[in-house]
Amino acid sequence: MAYNIGFDDFSRNPRDAARKTWGGWVFVATLVLGGISVMAGYSPITGQEAPSSLVAAITIFVSACVAAFLAWRVMTGKGWLSGSVLLLWWAAEILIKLLGGSLGIIWIAIHLAGFVNLAIGVRACWRLRSMPADEVDLVATFE
C-alpha cells in the first residue's frame, strides 16, 4: 500500500486519504526525540546543554501519548476536531523551535512534509464529516 497522497486524492476517496495520513506520527516521533534529548541533558528548544529533568521528560512522554491518540483519530477518518487541534499544536511547536533557533534545514523539511500530510488528512476528515452517512458507507464498500 502506497502512503503518498496528493491534495486531490481526498475528493475521490476521503477515507483512503485519511488512512494514509502519517503526518501525525511524524509529530509524535519529534516529541519522542525531544524527550530523548531532554534525558540526554540537551534542550530541544535551544539545542544547548540543560540539566536533565525527569519532570520535563515525563511531560514530553505524556504529550507524545496525547499526540499519538490524536494522530490515530485522524487515521480512522474521525479526527476532524482532534486533527485540527494537532495541527494547531504542531504549528505552535514549529514556531517555538524557529524562534529558539534550534530548527535546521533537515528538521524544517521533516516538519513541513509531516505538517502538509497531516493537513491533507484533516481535510479528508472534514470531508467525511460533511458527507451524508449513506455516501460514507458507499465509499467504504468500494475500497
Protein backbone atom coordinates (compact mmCIF):
# COMPACT_ATOMS: atom_id res chain seq x y z
CA MET A 1 0.00 0.00 0.00
CA ALA A 2 1.48 3.34 -1.02
CA TYR A 3 1.40 6.12 1.54
CA ASN A 4 1.73 9.03 -0.85
CA ILE A 5 -1.33 11.22 -1.10
CA GLY A 6 -1.91 14.42 -3.01
CA PHE A 7 -4.23 17.33 -2.47
CA ASP A 8 -6.79 15.96 -4.93
CA ASP A 9 -6.84 12.39 -3.57
CA PHE A 10 -9.17 13.24 -0.69
CA SER A 11 -12.04 14.15 -3.00
CA ARG A 12 -12.08 10.75 -4.73
CA ASN A 13 -11.88 8.66 -1.58
CA PRO A 14 -11.59 10.69 1.62
CA ARG A 15 -11.47 7.61 3.86
CA ASP A 16 -8.43 6.29 1.99
CA ALA A 17 -6.76 9.71 2.21
CA ALA A 18 -7.34 9.80 5.98
CA ARG A 19 -5.90 6.30 6.41
CA LYS A 20 -2.73 7.29 4.55
CA THR A 21 -2.04 10.20 6.88
CA TRP A 22 1.33 9.64 8.54
CA GLY A 23 1.99 13.28 9.43
CA GLY A 24 0.64 12.97 12.97
CA TRP A 25 3.05 10.12 13.65
CA VAL A 26 5.94 12.31 12.46
CA PHE A 27 4.92 14.83 15.12
CA VAL A 28 4.84 12.06 17.73
CA ALA A 29 8.34 11.00 16.64
CA THR A 30 9.65 14.55 17.03
CA LEU A 31 8.15 14.71 20.53
CA VAL A 32 9.82 11.40 21.44
CA LEU A 33 13.16 12.66 20.08
CA GLY A 34 12.68 15.79 22.19
CA GLY A 35 12.14 13.58 25.25
CA ILE A 36 15.32 11.65 24.48
CA SER A 37 17.14 14.96 24.08
CA VAL A 38 15.92 16.13 27.48
CA MET A 39 17.01 12.87 29.12
CA ALA A 40 20.44 13.30 27.49
CA GLY A 41 20.71 16.77 29.02
CA TYR A 42 20.00 18.96 25.98
CA SER A 43 17.14 21.38 25.49
CA PRO A 44 15.03 20.53 22.41
CA ILE A 45 14.17 24.22 22.02
CA THR A 46 17.60 25.86 22.22
CA GLY A 47 19.75 22.81 21.45
CA GLN A 48 22.15 23.74 24.25
CA GLU A 49 23.01 21.81 27.37
CA ALA A 50 20.37 21.86 30.03
CA PRO A 51 20.08 19.99 33.29
CA SER A 52 18.25 16.71 32.82
CA SER A 53 14.81 16.88 34.28
CA LEU A 54 12.65 13.86 34.95
CA VAL A 55 9.54 16.06 35.16
CA ALA A 56 10.22 17.51 31.70
CA ALA A 57 10.76 14.04 30.24
CA ILE A 58 7.52 12.75 31.78
CA THR A 59 5.65 15.78 30.44
CA ILE A 60 7.03 15.17 26.96
CA PHE A 61 6.10 11.47 27.21
CA VAL A 62 2.51 12.32 28.20
CA SER A 63 2.24 14.87 25.40
CA ALA A 64 3.55 12.26 22.93
CA CYS A 65 0.84 9.86 24.11
CA VAL A 66 -1.84 12.53 23.63
CA ALA A 67 -0.45 13.36 20.17
CA ALA A 68 -0.44 9.64 19.28
CA PHE A 69 -4.13 9.41 20.23
CA LEU A 70 -4.94 12.48 18.12
CA ALA A 71 -2.96 11.07 15.15
CA TRP A 72 -4.81 7.77 15.47
CA ARG A 73 -8.14 9.60 15.37
CA VAL A 74 -7.14 11.24 12.08
CA MET A 75 -6.13 7.89 10.59
CA THR A 76 -9.53 6.41 11.46
CA GLY A 77 -11.23 9.19 9.50
CA LYS A 78 -12.97 10.60 12.58
CA GLY A 79 -10.37 13.17 13.53
CA TRP A 80 -11.73 16.41 12.17
CA LEU A 81 -11.55 18.10 15.58
CA SER A 82 -8.58 16.22 17.03
CA GLY A 83 -6.65 16.68 13.78
CA SER A 84 -7.31 20.41 13.87
CA VAL A 85 -6.05 20.54 17.47
CA LEU A 86 -2.96 18.55 16.43
CA LEU A 87 -2.29 20.94 13.54
CA LEU A 88 -2.50 23.98 15.83
CA TRP A 89 -0.30 22.28 18.41
CA TRP A 90 2.29 21.39 15.78
CA ALA A 91 2.25 24.93 14.35
CA ALA A 92 2.94 26.27 17.87
CA GLU A 93 5.82 23.77 18.30
CA ILE A 94 7.35 24.80 14.97
CA LEU A 95 7.05 28.48 15.89
CA ILE A 96 8.69 27.92 19.28
CA LYS A 97 11.56 26.00 17.70
CA LEU A 98 12.02 28.58 14.94
CA LEU A 99 12.15 31.39 17.50
CA GLY A 100 14.51 29.32 19.66
CA GLY A 101 16.81 28.78 16.70
CA SER A 102 17.05 25.00 17.01
CA LEU A 103 15.44 24.05 13.70
CA GLY A 104 17.95 23.11 10.98
CA ILE A 105 17.19 22.64 7.29
CA ILE A 106 16.61 18.89 7.65
CA TRP A 107 14.20 19.41 10.55
CA ILE A 108 12.36 22.11 8.60
CA ALA A 109 11.88 19.66 5.69
CA ILE A 110 10.67 16.90 8.04
CA HIS A 111 8.26 19.22 9.84
CA LEU A 112 6.95 20.69 6.58
CA ALA A 113 6.35 17.29 4.94
CA GLY A 114 4.60 15.90 8.01
CA PHE A 115 2.56 19.06 8.57
CA VAL A 116 1.32 19.13 4.96
CA ASN A 117 0.46 15.42 5.08
CA LEU A 118 -1.45 15.90 8.32
CA ALA A 119 -3.29 18.87 6.80
CA ILE A 120 -4.40 16.65 3.91
CA GLY A 121 -5.64 14.03 6.38
CA VAL A 122 -7.57 16.61 8.40
CA ARG A 123 -9.08 17.93 5.19
CA ALA A 124 -10.20 14.38 4.34
CA CYS A 125 -11.73 14.02 7.83
CA TRP A 126 -13.65 17.27 7.36
CA ARG A 127 -14.88 15.93 4.00
CA LEU A 128 -16.01 12.66 5.60
CA ARG A 129 -17.82 14.62 8.30
CA SER A 130 -19.76 16.65 5.74
CA MET A 131 -20.73 13.62 3.63
CA PRO A 132 -24.14 12.00 4.17
CA ALA A 133 -23.93 8.72 6.09
CA ASP A 134 -25.06 6.61 3.14
CA GLU A 135 -22.37 8.13 0.93
CA VAL A 136 -19.69 7.38 3.54
CA ASP A 137 -20.88 3.76 3.63
CA LEU A 138 -20.72 3.65 -0.17
CA VAL A 139 -17.09 4.85 -0.08
CA ALA A 140 -16.24 2.14 2.45
CA THR A 141 -17.95 -0.52 0.32
CA PHE A 142 -15.90 0.13 -2.82
CA GLU A 143 -12.46 0.48 -1.23
